[in-house]
Amino acid sequence: MAILKNDPVYPFEKGNYCKPYHIIVKGSWKEIGFDLATIGKDDYGVQLLPYFSPVYGQARREYWAQNWPHVAELQKGVLKQCRSVSDGSDRNALGSRRGKVLLIGRR
């Protein structure tokens, strides 16, 4: 893993709804996506939920690849962490089959 630091910014107190973390990650965009998805899954209850339509997902994936290729690579790491298939014709918002997309949960 390429997570170098994942510490609270300040000590949390009861009643404090804001709990920021200082996260430092190192590696390729794909590795960073994988590590951030790991933190999201383990610490915040990230789960895969159905996406509206695979047609929109394919268009979104192509848009990211064309305009922000580093974000497209980051998403591949997220998908790897979620054990999704990243190639095929029936794609979702992040490029996986079975119409799944990542949503961040609460701690």
N, C-alpha and C. Protein backbone atom coordinates (compact mmCIF):
# COMPACT_ATOMS: atom_id res chain seq x y z
N MET A 1 0.84 -1.19 0.00
CA MET A 1 0.00 0.00 0.00
C MET A 1 0.88 1.24 0.00
N ALA A 2 0.34 2.29 -0.52
CA ALA A 2 1.08 3.54 -0.63
C ALA A 2 0.55 4.61 0.32
N ILE A 3 -0.17 4.21 1.37
CA ILE A 3 -0.67 5.18 2.34
C ILE A 3 0.47 5.48 3.31
N LEU A 4 0.95 6.71 3.27
CA LEU A 4 2.05 7.11 4.13
C LEU A 4 1.57 7.68 5.45
N LYS A 5 0.40 8.32 5.43
CA LYS A 5 -0.13 8.95 6.63
C LYS A 5 -1.64 8.97 6.56
N ASN A 6 -2.30 8.65 7.67
CA ASN A 6 -3.75 8.72 7.78
C ASN A 6 -4.09 9.02 9.24
N ASP A 7 -3.86 10.27 9.63
CA ASP A 7 -4.00 10.68 11.03
C ASP A 7 -5.01 11.82 11.17
N PRO A 8 -5.68 11.88 12.32
CA PRO A 8 -6.57 13.02 12.58
C PRO A 8 -5.78 14.33 12.58
N VAL A 9 -6.40 15.39 12.10
CA VAL A 9 -5.75 16.71 12.10
C VAL A 9 -5.62 17.23 13.52
N TYR A 10 -6.62 16.98 14.35
CA TYR A 10 -6.60 17.37 15.76
C TYR A 10 -7.40 16.33 16.54
N PRO A 11 -7.21 16.26 17.86
CA PRO A 11 -7.96 15.28 18.66
C PRO A 11 -9.47 15.54 18.58
N PHE A 12 -10.21 14.48 18.33
CA PHE A 12 -11.67 14.61 18.20
C PHE A 12 -12.32 14.62 19.58
N GLU A 13 -13.35 15.45 19.70
CA GLU A 13 -14.09 15.53 20.95
C GLU A 13 -15.54 15.18 20.69
N LYS A 14 -16.21 14.70 21.71
CA LYS A 14 -17.63 14.36 21.59
C LYS A 14 -18.42 15.61 21.21
N GLY A 15 -19.32 15.46 20.26
CA GLY A 15 -20.12 16.59 19.81
C GLY A 15 -19.51 17.34 18.65
N ASN A 16 -18.29 17.04 18.31
CA ASN A 16 -17.62 17.67 17.17
C ASN A 16 -17.96 16.87 15.92
N TYR A 17 -18.76 17.43 15.03
CA TYR A 17 -19.15 16.69 13.83
C TYR A 17 -18.06 16.69 12.77
N CYS A 18 -17.15 17.64 12.83
CA CYS A 18 -16.08 17.76 11.84
C CYS A 18 -14.87 16.98 12.32
N LYS A 19 -14.49 15.95 11.55
CA LYS A 19 -13.35 15.12 11.94
C LYS A 19 -12.40 14.96 10.74
N PRO A 20 -11.63 16.00 10.44
CA PRO A 20 -10.74 15.92 9.28
C PRO A 20 -9.51 15.04 9.54
N TYR A 21 -9.08 14.38 8.48
CA TYR A 21 -7.88 13.55 8.53
C TYR A 21 -6.85 14.10 7.56
N HIS A 22 -5.59 13.95 7.92
CA HIS A 22 -4.49 14.31 7.05
C HIS A 22 -4.02 13.00 6.41
N ILE A 23 -4.30 12.85 5.12
CA ILE A 23 -3.97 11.62 4.40
C ILE A 23 -2.90 11.93 3.36
N ILE A 24 -1.82 11.16 3.40
CA ILE A 24 -0.77 11.28 2.39
C ILE A 24 -0.65 9.93 1.70
N VAL A 25 -0.77 9.93 0.37
CA VAL A 25 -0.69 8.72 -0.41
C VAL A 25 0.37 8.90 -1.49
N LYS A 26 1.10 7.84 -1.78
CA LYS A 26 2.15 7.92 -2.78
C LYS A 26 2.00 6.76 -3.76
N GLY A 27 2.27 7.03 -5.04
CA GLY A 27 2.22 5.98 -6.04
C GLY A 27 1.62 6.48 -7.34
N SER A 28 1.29 5.56 -8.22
CA SER A 28 0.63 5.92 -9.48
C SER A 28 -0.81 6.32 -9.18
N TRP A 29 -1.47 6.90 -10.15
CA TRP A 29 -2.87 7.29 -9.97
C TRP A 29 -3.74 6.08 -9.63
N LYS A 30 -3.45 4.96 -10.27
CA LYS A 30 -4.21 3.74 -10.01
C LYS A 30 -4.00 3.26 -8.57
N GLU A 31 -2.75 3.31 -8.10
CA GLU A 31 -2.45 2.91 -6.72
C GLU A 31 -3.10 3.84 -5.72
N ILE A 32 -3.09 5.13 -6.02
CA ILE A 32 -3.72 6.11 -5.13
C ILE A 32 -5.23 5.86 -5.05
N GLY A 33 -5.86 5.60 -6.21
CA GLY A 33 -7.29 5.29 -6.21
C GLY A 33 -7.60 4.07 -5.38
N PHE A 34 -6.75 3.04 -5.51
CA PHE A 34 -6.92 1.82 -4.73
C PHE A 34 -6.83 2.12 -3.24
N ASP A 35 -5.83 2.89 -2.84
CA ASP A 35 -5.64 3.20 -1.42
C ASP A 35 -6.76 4.06 -0.85
N LEU A 36 -7.20 5.04 -1.61
CA LEU A 36 -8.30 5.88 -1.12
C LEU A 36 -9.60 5.08 -1.03
N ALA A 37 -9.81 4.16 -1.95
CA ALA A 37 -10.99 3.29 -1.88
C ALA A 37 -10.90 2.36 -0.67
N THR A 38 -9.69 1.92 -0.34
CA THR A 38 -9.49 1.08 0.85
C THR A 38 -9.87 1.85 2.11
N ILE A 39 -9.40 3.09 2.21
CA ILE A 39 -9.75 3.92 3.37
C ILE A 39 -11.26 4.13 3.41
N GLY A 40 -11.85 4.45 2.27
CA GLY A 40 -13.29 4.67 2.21
C GLY A 40 -14.09 3.46 2.63
N LYS A 41 -13.67 2.29 2.15
CA LYS A 41 -14.37 1.05 2.47
C LYS A 41 -14.21 0.69 3.94
N ASP A 42 -12.97 0.73 4.43
CA ASP A 42 -12.69 0.30 5.79
C ASP A 42 -13.17 1.29 6.85
N ASP A 43 -13.00 2.58 6.59
CA ASP A 43 -13.28 3.59 7.62
C ASP A 43 -14.63 4.28 7.50
N TYR A 44 -15.19 4.31 6.29
CA TYR A 44 -16.41 5.09 6.08
C TYR A 44 -17.57 4.28 5.53
N GLY A 45 -17.41 2.99 5.37
CA GLY A 45 -18.51 2.15 4.92
C GLY A 45 -18.89 2.34 3.47
N VAL A 46 -17.91 2.60 2.61
CA VAL A 46 -18.19 2.74 1.18
C VAL A 46 -18.82 1.45 0.67
N GLN A 47 -19.81 1.58 -0.18
CA GLN A 47 -20.46 0.40 -0.75
C GLN A 47 -20.78 0.65 -2.22
N LEU A 48 -20.95 -0.43 -2.95
CA LEU A 48 -21.32 -0.32 -4.36
C LEU A 48 -22.84 -0.33 -4.47
N LEU A 49 -23.36 0.60 -5.23
CA LEU A 49 -24.80 0.71 -5.45
C LEU A 49 -25.08 0.78 -6.94
N PRO A 50 -26.28 0.41 -7.36
CA PRO A 50 -26.60 0.44 -8.80
C PRO A 50 -26.52 1.86 -9.37
N TYR A 51 -26.06 1.94 -10.60
CA TYR A 51 -26.02 3.20 -11.33
C TYR A 51 -27.23 3.25 -12.24
N PHE A 52 -27.69 4.45 -12.58
CA PHE A 52 -28.91 4.63 -13.35
C PHE A 52 -28.90 3.87 -14.67
N SER A 53 -27.85 4.04 -15.46
CA SER A 53 -27.80 3.39 -16.77
C SER A 53 -26.35 3.17 -17.20
N PRO A 54 -26.05 2.00 -17.77
CA PRO A 54 -24.69 1.76 -18.26
C PRO A 54 -24.31 2.68 -19.43
N VAL A 55 -25.29 3.21 -20.14
CA VAL A 55 -25.01 4.13 -21.24
C VAL A 55 -24.36 5.40 -20.71
N TYR A 56 -24.91 5.93 -19.63
CA TYR A 56 -24.33 7.12 -19.01
C TYR A 56 -22.94 6.80 -18.45
N GLY A 57 -22.80 5.62 -17.91
CA GLY A 57 -21.51 5.22 -17.36
C GLY A 57 -20.42 5.17 -18.41
N GLN A 58 -20.73 4.62 -19.57
CA GLN A 58 -19.75 4.56 -20.65
C GLN A 58 -19.37 5.96 -21.11
N ALA A 59 -20.35 6.85 -21.26
CA ALA A 59 -20.08 8.22 -21.68
C ALA A 59 -19.21 8.94 -20.64
N ARG A 60 -19.53 8.73 -19.38
CA ARG A 60 -18.76 9.37 -18.31
C ARG A 60 -17.32 8.87 -18.32
N ARG A 61 -17.12 7.57 -18.49
CA ARG A 61 -15.79 6.98 -18.52
C ARG A 61 -14.97 7.54 -19.68
N GLU A 62 -15.59 7.64 -20.85
CA GLU A 62 -14.90 8.20 -22.02
C GLU A 62 -14.55 9.67 -21.81
N TYR A 63 -15.46 10.42 -21.18
CA TYR A 63 -15.23 11.83 -20.89
C TYR A 63 -14.00 12.01 -20.01
N TRP A 64 -13.93 11.22 -18.91
CA TRP A 64 -12.78 11.32 -18.00
C TRP A 64 -11.50 10.93 -18.72
N ALA A 65 -11.54 9.87 -19.50
CA ALA A 65 -10.35 9.41 -20.21
C ALA A 65 -9.84 10.46 -21.20
N GLN A 66 -10.76 11.16 -21.83
CA GLN A 66 -10.38 12.16 -22.83
C GLN A 66 -9.90 13.46 -22.18
N ASN A 67 -10.59 13.91 -21.15
CA ASN A 67 -10.32 15.23 -20.58
C ASN A 67 -9.40 15.21 -19.35
N TRP A 68 -9.49 14.19 -18.54
CA TRP A 68 -8.68 14.07 -17.33
C TRP A 68 -8.22 12.62 -17.18
N PRO A 69 -7.24 12.21 -17.98
CA PRO A 69 -6.81 10.81 -17.95
C PRO A 69 -6.31 10.34 -16.59
N HIS A 70 -5.75 11.25 -15.79
CA HIS A 70 -5.29 10.84 -14.46
C HIS A 70 -6.46 10.42 -13.57
N VAL A 71 -7.61 11.08 -13.72
CA VAL A 71 -8.79 10.71 -12.94
C VAL A 71 -9.32 9.36 -13.42
N ALA A 72 -9.26 9.11 -14.72
CA ALA A 72 -9.68 7.81 -15.26
C ALA A 72 -8.80 6.70 -14.67
N GLU A 73 -7.50 6.95 -14.53
CA GLU A 73 -6.60 5.97 -13.92
C GLU A 73 -6.91 5.79 -12.44
N LEU A 74 -7.21 6.88 -11.74
CA LEU A 74 -7.58 6.82 -10.33
C LEU A 74 -8.81 5.93 -10.15
N GLN A 75 -9.80 6.08 -11.05
CA GLN A 75 -11.02 5.28 -10.97
C GLN A 75 -10.74 3.79 -11.18
N LYS A 76 -9.75 3.47 -12.01
CA LYS A 76 -9.39 2.07 -12.21
C LYS A 76 -8.89 1.46 -10.90
N GLY A 77 -8.15 2.23 -10.12
CA GLY A 77 -7.69 1.75 -8.82
C GLY A 77 -8.84 1.54 -7.86
N VAL A 78 -9.81 2.44 -7.89
CA VAL A 78 -11.00 2.30 -7.06
C VAL A 78 -11.73 1.00 -7.42
N LEU A 79 -11.87 0.75 -8.71
CA LEU A 79 -12.56 -0.46 -9.16
C LEU A 79 -11.80 -1.72 -8.76
N LYS A 80 -10.49 -1.65 -8.81
CA LYS A 80 -9.67 -2.80 -8.41
C LYS A 80 -9.92 -3.13 -6.94
N GLN A 81 -9.99 -2.11 -6.12
CA GLN A 81 -10.24 -2.32 -4.69
C GLN A 81 -11.62 -2.93 -4.47
N CYS A 82 -12.56 -2.52 -5.28
CA CYS A 82 -13.94 -3.01 -5.12
C CYS A 82 -14.17 -4.33 -5.84
N ARG A 83 -13.10 -4.89 -6.41
CA ARG A 83 -13.14 -6.17 -7.09
C ARG A 83 -14.15 -6.19 -8.23
N SER A 84 -14.23 -5.11 -8.96
CA SER A 84 -15.12 -5.02 -10.10
C SER A 84 -14.34 -5.27 -11.38
N VAL A 85 -15.02 -5.70 -12.40
CA VAL A 85 -14.40 -5.91 -13.71
C VAL A 85 -14.34 -4.57 -14.42
N SER A 86 -13.19 -4.23 -14.97
CA SER A 86 -13.04 -2.91 -15.57
C SER A 86 -13.10 -2.91 -17.09
N ASP A 87 -13.47 -4.03 -17.70
CA ASP A 87 -13.64 -4.01 -19.15
C ASP A 87 -14.86 -4.83 -19.55
N GLY A 88 -15.46 -4.46 -20.65
CA GLY A 88 -16.68 -5.10 -21.13
C GLY A 88 -17.60 -4.06 -21.71
N SER A 89 -18.66 -4.50 -22.34
CA SER A 89 -19.54 -3.55 -23.04
C SER A 89 -20.60 -2.93 -22.14
N ASP A 90 -21.00 -3.61 -21.08
CA ASP A 90 -22.03 -3.10 -20.17
C ASP A 90 -21.37 -2.40 -19.01
N ARG A 91 -21.14 -1.11 -19.16
CA ARG A 91 -20.37 -0.37 -18.17
C ARG A 91 -21.25 0.57 -17.35
N ASN A 92 -20.73 0.95 -16.19
CA ASN A 92 -21.42 1.91 -15.34
C ASN A 92 -20.60 3.19 -15.26
N ALA A 93 -20.87 4.02 -14.27
CA ALA A 93 -20.23 5.33 -14.14
C ALA A 93 -18.72 5.24 -14.00
N LEU A 94 -18.22 4.22 -13.31
CA LEU A 94 -16.79 4.10 -13.13
C LEU A 94 -16.16 3.11 -14.09
N GLY A 95 -16.95 2.49 -14.95
CA GLY A 95 -16.41 1.61 -15.96
C GLY A 95 -16.48 0.14 -15.62
N SER A 96 -17.26 -0.24 -14.62
CA SER A 96 -17.35 -1.66 -14.28
C SER A 96 -18.66 -2.25 -14.79
N ARG A 97 -18.72 -3.56 -14.83
CA ARG A 97 -19.96 -4.23 -15.22
C ARG A 97 -20.91 -4.26 -14.03
N ARG A 98 -22.07 -4.75 -14.24
CA ARG A 98 -23.10 -4.94 -13.22
C ARG A 98 -23.67 -3.64 -12.68
N GLY A 99 -23.47 -2.52 -13.35
CA GLY A 99 -24.08 -1.26 -12.94
C GLY A 99 -23.81 -0.86 -11.52
N LYS A 100 -22.57 -0.73 -11.12
CA LYS A 100 -22.22 -0.35 -9.76
C LYS A 100 -21.46 0.96 -9.75
N VAL A 101 -21.63 1.73 -8.69
CA VAL A 101 -20.87 2.98 -8.52
C VAL A 101 -20.55 3.16 -7.05
N LEU A 102 -19.45 3.79 -6.75
CA LEU A 102 -19.03 4.00 -5.37
C LEU A 102 -19.73 5.18 -4.74
N LEU A 103 -20.19 5.01 -3.53
CA LEU A 103 -20.73 6.12 -2.74
C LEU A 103 -20.06 6.07 -1.38
N ILE A 104 -19.70 7.24 -0.86
CA ILE A 104 -19.07 7.30 0.45
C ILE A 104 -20.15 7.26 1.53
N GLY A 105 -19.91 6.43 2.53
CA GLY A 105 -20.83 6.35 3.67
C GLY A 105 -20.32 7.21 4.82
N ARG A 106 -20.92 7.05 5.97
CA ARG A 106 -20.50 7.80 7.16
C ARG A 106 -19.80 6.89 8.12
N ARG A 107 -18.93 7.46 8.89
CA ARG A 107 -18.20 6.70 9.91
C ARG A 107 -19.06 6.46 11.10
